Amino acid sequence: MAQSGRIQRGLAFAQTNCAQCHAIGRVGDSPVPEAPPFRTLHTRYPIEDLAEAFAEGITTGHPSMPQFQLDPAQINDLIAYLNSIQG
């Protein structure tokens, strides 16, 4: 049950902060073509490695993505959600 809550909170975070650019579900294209769909992130980065990036603050090579720094609870929730949708 706790994992289900983490997944739901991670989904809510992604809907609020990420869905404008990324496809955050199991299907669909990203609204911004350069933004990888969340379901394929594991092909670029080990999901567990993203936890460190989320904690330190994500920065990218393109100016349209805002910098994010998540707290430990948000990181656990988002990682749980990402793990739940990997193809």
PDB file of N, CA and C in Angstrom:
ATOM      1  N   MET A   1       0.817  -1.195   0.000  1.00  0.00           N
ATOM      2  CA  MET A   1       0.000   0.000   0.000  1.00  0.00           C
ATOM      3  C   MET A   1       0.864   1.264   0.000  1.00  0.00           C
ATOM      4  N   ALA A   2       1.933   1.254   0.773  1.00  0.00           N
ATOM      5  CA  ALA A   2       2.816   2.425   0.811  1.00  0.00           C
ATOM      6  C   ALA A   2       3.393   2.710  -0.568  1.00  0.00           C
ATOM      7  N   GLN A   3       3.778   1.658  -1.296  1.00  0.00           N
ATOM      8  CA  GLN A   3       4.330   1.832  -2.640  1.00  0.00           C
ATOM      9  C   GLN A   3       3.288   2.451  -3.568  1.00  0.00           C
ATOM     10  N   SER A   4       2.046   2.022  -3.447  1.00  0.00           N
ATOM     11  CA  SER A   4       0.979   2.580  -4.268  1.00  0.00           C
ATOM     12  C   SER A   4       0.827   4.080  -4.017  1.00  0.00           C
ATOM     13  N   GLY A   5       0.935   4.483  -2.761  1.00  0.00           N
ATOM     14  CA  GLY A   5       0.866   5.906  -2.433  1.00  0.00           C
ATOM     15  C   GLY A   5       2.022   6.677  -3.027  1.00  0.00           C
ATOM     16  N   ARG A   6       3.217   6.090  -2.987  1.00  0.00           N
ATOM     17  CA  ARG A   6       4.391   6.751  -3.587  1.00  0.00           C
ATOM     18  C   ARG A   6       4.183   6.936  -5.086  1.00  0.00           C
ATOM     19  N   ILE A   7       3.690   5.877  -5.729  1.00  0.00           N
ATOM     20  CA  ILE A   7       3.464   5.942  -7.178  1.00  0.00           C
ATOM     21  C   ILE A   7       2.461   7.044  -7.503  1.00  0.00           C
ATOM     22  N   GLN A   8       1.376   7.114  -6.757  1.00  0.00           N
ATOM     23  CA  GLN A   8       0.359   8.140  -7.008  1.00  0.00           C
ATOM     24  C   GLN A   8       0.908   9.547  -6.777  1.00  0.00           C
ATOM     25  N   ARG A   9       1.691   9.717  -5.733  1.00  0.00           N
ATOM     26  CA  ARG A   9       2.297  11.038  -5.483  1.00  0.00           C
ATOM     27  C   ARG A   9       3.314  11.380  -6.568  1.00  0.00           C
ATOM     28  N   GLY A  10       4.070  10.373  -7.027  1.00  0.00           N
ATOM     29  CA  GLY A  10       5.019  10.603  -8.114  1.00  0.00           C
ATOM     30  C   GLY A  10       4.316  10.996  -9.397  1.00  0.00           C
ATOM     31  N   LEU A  11       3.199  10.329  -9.684  1.00  0.00           N
ATOM     32  CA  LEU A  11       2.400  10.683 -10.855  1.00  0.00           C
ATOM     33  C   LEU A  11       1.891  12.114 -10.733  1.00  0.00           C
ATOM     34  N   ALA A  12       1.382  12.474  -9.569  1.00  0.00           N
ATOM     35  CA  ALA A  12       0.873  13.835  -9.368  1.00  0.00           C
ATOM     36  C   ALA A  12       1.983  14.869  -9.571  1.00  0.00           C
ATOM     37  N   PHE A  13       3.177  14.580  -9.052  1.00  0.00           N
ATOM     38  CA  PHE A  13       4.309  15.487  -9.249  1.00  0.00           C
ATOM     39  C   PHE A  13       4.615  15.620 -10.741  1.00  0.00           C
ATOM     40  N   ALA A  14       4.660  14.489 -11.444  1.00  0.00           N
ATOM     41  CA  ALA A  14       4.969  14.509 -12.874  1.00  0.00           C
ATOM     42  C   ALA A  14       3.905  15.270 -13.657  1.00  0.00           C
ATOM     43  N   GLN A  15       2.645  15.080 -13.302  1.00  0.00           N
ATOM     44  CA  GLN A  15       1.573  15.796 -13.994  1.00  0.00           C
ATOM     45  C   GLN A  15       1.721  17.304 -13.815  1.00  0.00           C
ATOM     46  N   THR A  16       2.082  17.721 -12.617  1.00  0.00           N
ATOM     47  CA  THR A  16       2.194  19.147 -12.311  1.00  0.00           C
ATOM     48  C   THR A  16       3.456  19.776 -12.888  1.00  0.00           C
ATOM     49  N   ASN A  17       4.569  19.041 -12.841  1.00  0.00           N
ATOM     50  CA  ASN A  17       5.867  19.649 -13.154  1.00  0.00           C
ATOM     51  C   ASN A  17       6.521  19.192 -14.446  1.00  0.00           C
ATOM     52  N   CYS A  18       6.053  18.095 -15.027  1.00  0.00           N
ATOM     53  CA  CYS A  18       6.801  17.494 -16.132  1.00  0.00           C
ATOM     54  C   CYS A  18       5.986  17.294 -17.413  1.00  0.00           C
ATOM     55  N   ALA A  19       4.670  17.142 -17.271  1.00  0.00           N
ATOM     56  CA  ALA A  19       3.833  16.749 -18.406  1.00  0.00           C
ATOM     57  C   ALA A  19       3.737  17.810 -19.493  1.00  0.00           C
ATOM     58  N   GLN A  20       4.106  19.047 -19.186  1.00  0.00           N
ATOM     59  CA  GLN A  20       4.075  20.084 -20.208  1.00  0.00           C
ATOM     60  C   GLN A  20       5.037  19.752 -21.345  1.00  0.00           C
ATOM     61  N   CYS A  21       6.093  19.010 -21.037  1.00  0.00           N
ATOM     62  CA  CYS A  21       7.115  18.703 -22.041  1.00  0.00           C
ATOM     63  C   CYS A  21       7.269  17.208 -22.293  1.00  0.00           C
ATOM     64  N   HIS A  22       7.173  16.400 -21.237  1.00  0.00           N
ATOM     65  CA  HIS A  22       7.411  14.958 -21.338  1.00  0.00           C
ATOM     66  C   HIS A  22       6.109  14.172 -21.398  1.00  0.00           C
ATOM     67  N   ALA A  23       6.124  13.086 -22.181  1.00  0.00           N
ATOM     68  CA  ALA A  23       5.063  12.088 -22.053  1.00  0.00           C
ATOM     69  C   ALA A  23       5.338  11.366 -20.743  1.00  0.00           C
ATOM     70  N   ILE A  24       4.388  11.405 -19.819  1.00  0.00           N
ATOM     71  CA  ILE A  24       4.647  10.840 -18.500  1.00  0.00           C
ATOM     72  C   ILE A  24       3.977   9.491 -18.291  1.00  0.00           C
ATOM     73  N   GLY A  25       3.198   9.027 -19.261  1.00  0.00           N
ATOM     74  CA  GLY A  25       2.486   7.762 -19.116  1.00  0.00           C
ATOM     75  C   GLY A  25       3.156   6.621 -19.853  1.00  0.00           C
ATOM     76  N   ARG A  26       2.438   5.511 -19.935  1.00  0.00           N
ATOM     77  CA  ARG A  26       2.954   4.309 -20.605  1.00  0.00           C
ATOM     78  C   ARG A  26       2.899   4.409 -22.126  1.00  0.00           C
ATOM     79  N   VAL A  27       2.142   5.364 -22.657  1.00  0.00           N
ATOM     80  CA  VAL A  27       2.008   5.540 -24.104  1.00  0.00           C
ATOM     81  C   VAL A  27       2.032   7.029 -24.424  1.00  0.00           C
ATOM     82  N   GLY A  28       2.181   7.332 -25.687  1.00  0.00           N
ATOM     83  CA  GLY A  28       2.085   8.704 -26.146  1.00  0.00           C
ATOM     84  C   GLY A  28       3.432   9.345 -26.400  1.00  0.00           C
ATOM     85  N   ASP A  29       3.368  10.400 -27.202  1.00  0.00           N
ATOM     86  CA  ASP A  29       4.556  11.172 -27.538  1.00  0.00           C
ATOM     87  C   ASP A  29       4.676  12.364 -26.601  1.00  0.00           C
ATOM     88  N   SER A  30       5.894  12.788 -26.382  1.00  0.00           N
ATOM     89  CA  SER A  30       6.128  13.976 -25.563  1.00  0.00           C
ATOM     90  C   SER A  30       5.652  15.213 -26.314  1.00  0.00           C
ATOM     91  N   PRO A  31       5.009  16.161 -25.622  1.00  0.00           N
ATOM     92  CA  PRO A  31       4.608  17.406 -26.273  1.00  0.00           C
ATOM     93  C   PRO A  31       5.787  18.168 -26.879  1.00  0.00           C
ATOM     94  N   VAL A  32       6.949  18.053 -26.263  1.00  0.00           N
ATOM     95  CA  VAL A  32       8.177  18.657 -26.792  1.00  0.00           C
ATOM     96  C   VAL A  32       9.044  17.503 -27.302  1.00  0.00           C
ATOM     97  N   PRO A  33       9.265  17.425 -28.612  1.00  0.00           N
ATOM     98  CA  PRO A  33       9.970  16.266 -29.172  1.00  0.00           C
ATOM     99  C   PRO A  33      11.330  15.975 -28.539  1.00  0.00           C
ATOM    100  N   GLU A  34      12.043  16.994 -28.072  1.00  0.00           N
ATOM    101  CA  GLU A  34      13.363  16.777 -27.471  1.00  0.00           C
ATOM    102  C   GLU A  34      13.281  16.187 -26.066  1.00  0.00           C
ATOM    103  N   ALA A  35      12.114  16.212 -25.460  1.00  0.00           N
ATOM    104  CA  ALA A  35      11.933  15.721 -24.090  1.00  0.00           C
ATOM    105  C   ALA A  35      11.613  14.231 -24.134  1.00  0.00           C
ATOM    106  N   PRO A  36      12.474  13.394 -23.589  1.00  0.00           N
ATOM    107  CA  PRO A  36      12.227  11.950 -23.682  1.00  0.00           C
ATOM    108  C   PRO A  36      10.991  11.538 -22.884  1.00  0.00           C
ATOM    109  N   PRO A  37      10.221  10.598 -23.429  1.00  0.00           N
ATOM    110  CA  PRO A  37       9.102  10.048 -22.658  1.00  0.00           C
ATOM    111  C   PRO A  37       9.627   9.385 -21.388  1.00  0.00           C
ATOM    112  N   PHE A  38       8.909   9.560 -20.302  1.00  0.00           N
ATOM    113  CA  PHE A  38       9.340   8.970 -19.035  1.00  0.00           C
ATOM    114  C   PHE A  38       9.473   7.460 -19.120  1.00  0.00           C
ATOM    115  N   ARG A  39       8.621   6.807 -19.919  1.00  0.00           N
ATOM    116  CA  ARG A  39       8.651   5.339 -19.977  1.00  0.00           C
ATOM    117  C   ARG A  39       9.929   4.810 -20.624  1.00  0.00           C
ATOM    118  N   THR A  40      10.697   5.683 -21.294  1.00  0.00           N
ATOM    119  CA  THR A  40      11.937   5.242 -21.937  1.00  0.00           C
ATOM    120  C   THR A  40      13.184   5.776 -21.236  1.00  0.00           C
ATOM    121  N   LEU A  41      13.024   6.440 -20.113  1.00  0.00           N
ATOM    122  CA  LEU A  41      14.196   6.997 -19.430  1.00  0.00           C
ATOM    123  C   LEU A  41      15.219   5.929 -19.069  1.00  0.00           C
ATOM    124  N   HIS A  42      14.753   4.720 -18.765  1.00  0.00           N
ATOM    125  CA  HIS A  42      15.683   3.655 -18.370  1.00  0.00           C
ATOM    126  C   HIS A  42      16.643   3.286 -19.496  1.00  0.00           C
ATOM    127  N   THR A  43      16.313   3.634 -20.750  1.00  0.00           N
ATOM    128  CA  THR A  43      17.230   3.340 -21.850  1.00  0.00           C
ATOM    129  C   THR A  43      18.361   4.364 -21.920  1.00  0.00           C
ATOM    130  N   ARG A  44      18.187   5.501 -21.267  1.00  0.00           N
ATOM    131  CA  ARG A  44      19.206   6.555 -21.244  1.00  0.00           C
ATOM    132  C   ARG A  44      19.973   6.599 -19.933  1.00  0.00           C
ATOM    133  N   TYR A  45      19.257   6.369 -18.838  1.00  0.00           N
ATOM    134  CA  TYR A  45      19.839   6.508 -17.499  1.00  0.00           C
ATOM    135  C   TYR A  45      19.305   5.398 -16.607  1.00  0.00           C
ATOM    136  N   PRO A  46      20.147   4.796 -15.779  1.00  0.00           N
ATOM    137  CA  PRO A  46      19.599   3.899 -14.753  1.00  0.00           C
ATOM    138  C   PRO A  46      18.689   4.725 -13.839  1.00  0.00           C
ATOM    139  N   ILE A  47      17.475   4.258 -13.631  1.00  0.00           N
ATOM    140  CA  ILE A  47      16.501   5.016 -12.850  1.00  0.00           C
ATOM    141  C   ILE A  47      17.050   5.369 -11.473  1.00  0.00           C
ATOM    142  N   GLU A  48      17.774   4.440 -10.860  1.00  0.00           N
ATOM    143  CA  GLU A  48      18.311   4.701  -9.526  1.00  0.00           C
ATOM    144  C   GLU A  48      19.295   5.878  -9.541  1.00  0.00           C
ATOM    145  N   ASP A  49      20.010   6.059 -10.666  1.00  0.00           N
ATOM    146  CA  ASP A  49      20.946   7.179 -10.765  1.00  0.00           C
ATOM    147  C   ASP A  49      20.223   8.523 -10.833  1.00  0.00           C
ATOM    148  N   LEU A  50      18.969   8.500 -11.267  1.00  0.00           N
ATOM    149  CA  LEU A  50      18.226   9.747 -11.336  1.00  0.00           C
ATOM    150  C   LEU A  50      17.951  10.321  -9.954  1.00  0.00           C
ATOM    151  N   ALA A  51      17.891   9.463  -8.945  1.00  0.00           N
ATOM    152  CA  ALA A  51      17.642   9.948  -7.585  1.00  0.00           C
ATOM    153  C   ALA A  51      18.701  10.972  -7.185  1.00  0.00           C
ATOM    154  N   GLU A  52      19.944  10.690  -7.486  1.00  0.00           N
ATOM    155  CA  GLU A  52      21.024  11.628  -7.158  1.00  0.00           C
ATOM    156  C   GLU A  52      20.873  12.924  -7.947  1.00  0.00           C
ATOM    157  N   ALA A  53      20.527  12.795  -9.222  1.00  0.00           N
ATOM    158  CA  ALA A  53      20.339  13.990 -10.043  1.00  0.00           C
ATOM    159  C   ALA A  53      19.184  14.838  -9.516  1.00  0.00           C
ATOM    160  N   PHE A  54      18.102  14.189  -9.109  1.00  0.00           N
ATOM    161  CA  PHE A  54      16.967  14.929  -8.556  1.00  0.00           C
ATOM    162  C   PHE A  54      17.363  15.653  -7.270  1.00  0.00           C
ATOM    163  N   ALA A  55      18.188  15.012  -6.450  1.00  0.00           N
ATOM    164  CA  ALA A  55      18.602  15.613  -5.178  1.00  0.00           C
ATOM    165  C   ALA A  55      19.534  16.804  -5.400  1.00  0.00           C
ATOM    166  N   GLU A  56      20.410  16.693  -6.385  1.00  0.00           N
ATOM    167  CA  GLU A  56      21.392  17.746  -6.640  1.00  0.00           C
ATOM    168  C   GLU A  56      20.822  18.878  -7.476  1.00  0.00           C
ATOM    169  N   GLY A  57      19.756  18.596  -8.189  1.00  0.00           N
ATOM    170  CA  GLY A  57      19.160  19.576  -9.085  1.00  0.00           C
ATOM    171  C   GLY A  57      19.450  19.198 -10.514  1.00  0.00           C
ATOM    172  N   ILE A  58      18.406  18.967 -11.263  1.00  0.00           N
ATOM    173  CA  ILE A  58      18.565  18.577 -12.663  1.00  0.00           C
ATOM    174  C   ILE A  58      18.848  19.820 -13.486  1.00  0.00           C
ATOM    175  N   THR A  59      19.904  19.744 -14.264  1.00  0.00           N
ATOM    176  CA  THR A  59      20.187  20.790 -15.237  1.00  0.00           C
ATOM    177  C   THR A  59      20.343  20.102 -16.581  1.00  0.00           C
ATOM    178  N   THR A  60      19.974  20.799 -17.623  1.00  0.00           N
ATOM    179  CA  THR A  60      20.050  20.207 -18.951  1.00  0.00           C
ATOM    180  C   THR A  60      20.805  21.131 -19.880  1.00  0.00           C
ATOM    181  N   GLY A  61      21.086  20.611 -21.050  1.00  0.00           N
ATOM    182  CA  GLY A  61      21.800  21.390 -22.039  1.00  0.00           C
ATOM    183  C   GLY A  61      20.912  22.295 -22.861  1.00  0.00           C
ATOM    184  N   HIS A  62      19.610  22.316 -22.588  1.00  0.00           N
ATOM    185  CA  HIS A  62      18.745  23.216 -23.339  1.00  0.00           C
ATOM    186  C   HIS A  62      18.001  24.140 -22.375  1.00  0.00           C
ATOM    187  N   PRO A  63      17.853  25.390 -22.763  1.00  0.00           N
ATOM    188  CA  PRO A  63      17.342  26.403 -21.835  1.00  0.00           C
ATOM    189  C   PRO A  63      15.866  26.284 -21.493  1.00  0.00           C
ATOM    190  N   SER A  64      15.101  25.521 -22.257  1.00  0.00           N
ATOM    191  CA  SER A  64      13.661  25.484 -22.003  1.00  0.00           C
ATOM    192  C   SER A  64      13.281  24.617 -20.809  1.00  0.00           C
ATOM    193  N   MET A  65      14.187  23.745 -20.346  1.00  0.00           N
ATOM    194  CA  MET A  65      13.860  22.921 -19.184  1.00  0.00           C
ATOM    195  C   MET A  65      14.279  23.642 -17.915  1.00  0.00           C
ATOM    196  N   PRO A  66      13.323  23.850 -17.020  1.00  0.00           N
ATOM    197  CA  PRO A  66      13.685  24.507 -15.764  1.00  0.00           C
ATOM    198  C   PRO A  66      14.531  23.590 -14.892  1.00  0.00           C
ATOM    199  N   GLN A  67      15.312  24.185 -14.011  1.00  0.00           N
ATOM    200  CA  GLN A  67      16.093  23.388 -13.065  1.00  0.00           C
ATOM    201  C   GLN A  67      15.174  22.947 -11.937  1.00  0.00           C
ATOM    202  N   PHE A  68      15.303  21.679 -11.560  1.00  0.00           N
ATOM    203  CA  PHE A  68      14.507  21.128 -10.472  1.00  0.00           C
ATOM    204  C   PHE A  68      15.430  20.610  -9.388  1.00  0.00           C
ATOM    205  N   GLN A  69      15.036  20.799  -8.154  1.00  0.00           N
ATOM    206  CA  GLN A  69      15.697  20.148  -7.029  1.00  0.00           C
ATOM    207  C   GLN A  69      14.587  19.636  -6.129  1.00  0.00           C
ATOM    208  N   LEU A  70      14.553  18.328  -5.926  1.00  0.00           N
ATOM    209  CA  LEU A  70      13.475  17.695  -5.185  1.00  0.00           C
ATOM    210  C   LEU A  70      13.926  17.330  -3.784  1.00  0.00           C
ATOM    211  N   ASP A  71      12.973  17.291  -2.854  1.00  0.00           N
ATOM    212  CA  ASP A  71      13.297  16.833  -1.508  1.00  0.00           C
ATOM    213  C   ASP A  71      13.253  15.300  -1.493  1.00  0.00           C
ATOM    214  N   PRO A  72      13.776  14.661  -0.451  1.00  0.00           N
ATOM    215  CA  PRO A  72      13.857  13.192  -0.434  1.00  0.00           C
ATOM    216  C   PRO A  72      12.516  12.486  -0.646  1.00  0.00           C
ATOM    217  N   ALA A  73      11.442  12.994  -0.085  1.00  0.00           N
ATOM    218  CA  ALA A  73      10.133  12.355  -0.270  1.00  0.00           C
ATOM    219  C   ALA A  73       9.691  12.455  -1.726  1.00  0.00           C
ATOM    220  N   GLN A  74       9.884  13.608  -2.346  1.00  0.00           N
ATOM    221  CA  GLN A  74       9.526  13.770  -3.752  1.00  0.00           C
ATOM    222  C   GLN A  74      10.355  12.846  -4.636  1.00  0.00           C
ATOM    223  N   ILE A  75      11.621  12.703  -4.315  1.00  0.00           N
ATOM    224  CA  ILE A  75      12.496  11.811  -5.081  1.00  0.00           C
ATOM    225  C   ILE A  75      11.979  10.383  -5.001  1.00  0.00           C
ATOM    226  N   ASN A  76      11.701   9.904  -3.801  1.00  0.00           N
ATOM    227  CA  ASN A  76      11.202   8.533  -3.644  1.00  0.00           C
ATOM    228  C   ASN A  76       9.901   8.333  -4.399  1.00  0.00           C
ATOM    229  N   ASP A  77       9.021   9.315  -4.346  1.00  0.00           N
ATOM    230  CA  ASP A  77       7.743   9.211  -5.044  1.00  0.00           C
ATOM    231  C   ASP A  77       7.948   9.168  -6.556  1.00  0.00           C
ATOM    232  N   LEU A  78       8.772  10.059  -7.077  1.00  0.00           N
ATOM    233  CA  LEU A  78       8.975  10.109  -8.525  1.00  0.00           C
ATOM    234  C   LEU A  78       9.700   8.864  -9.022  1.00  0.00           C
ATOM    235  N   ILE A  79      10.679   8.375  -8.283  1.00  0.00           N
ATOM    236  CA  ILE A  79      11.377   7.143  -8.672  1.00  0.00           C
ATOM    237  C   ILE A  79      10.404   5.966  -8.664  1.00  0.00           C
ATOM    238  N   ALA A  80       9.543   5.886  -7.662  1.00  0.00           N
ATOM    239  CA  ALA A  80       8.541   4.811  -7.617  1.00  0.00           C
ATOM    240  C   ALA A  80       7.644   4.885  -8.843  1.00  0.00           C
ATOM    241  N   TYR A  81       7.222   6.089  -9.211  1.00  0.00           N
ATOM    242  CA  TYR A  81       6.384   6.237 -10.398  1.00  0.00           C
ATOM    243  C   TYR A  81       7.150   5.843 -11.663  1.00  0.00           C
ATOM    244  N   LEU A  82       8.373   6.333 -11.810  1.00  0.00           N
ATOM    245  CA  LEU A  82       9.164   5.992 -12.997  1.00  0.00           C
ATOM    246  C   LEU A  82       9.358   4.486 -13.117  1.00  0.00           C
ATOM    247  N   ASN A  83       9.668   3.828 -12.012  1.00  0.00           N
ATOM    248  CA  ASN A  83       9.833   2.372 -12.047  1.00  0.00           C
ATOM    249  C   ASN A  83       8.547   1.671 -12.460  1.00  0.00           C
ATOM    250  N   SER A  84       7.407   2.252 -12.131  1.00  0.00           N
ATOM    251  CA  SER A  84       6.125   1.606 -12.432  1.00  0.00           C
ATOM    252  C   SER A  84       5.758   1.668 -13.905  1.00  0.00           C
ATOM    253  N   ILE A  85       6.367   2.562 -14.676  1.00  0.00           N
ATOM    254  CA  ILE A  85       5.972   2.726 -16.084  1.00  0.00           C
ATOM    255  C   ILE A  85       7.043   2.326 -17.083  1.00  0.00           C
ATOM    256  N   GLN A  86       8.189   1.858 -16.645  1.00  0.00           N
ATOM    257  CA  GLN A  86       9.257   1.539 -17.598  1.00  0.00           C
ATOM    258  C   GLN A  86       8.836   0.394 -18.504  1.00  0.00           C
ATOM    259  N   GLY A  87       9.071   0.599 -19.813  1.00  0.00           N
ATOM    260  CA  GLY A  87       8.661  -0.381 -20.814  1.00  0.00           C
ATOM    261  C   GLY A  87       9.610  -1.520 -20.960  1.00  0.00           C
TER     262      GLY A  87
END
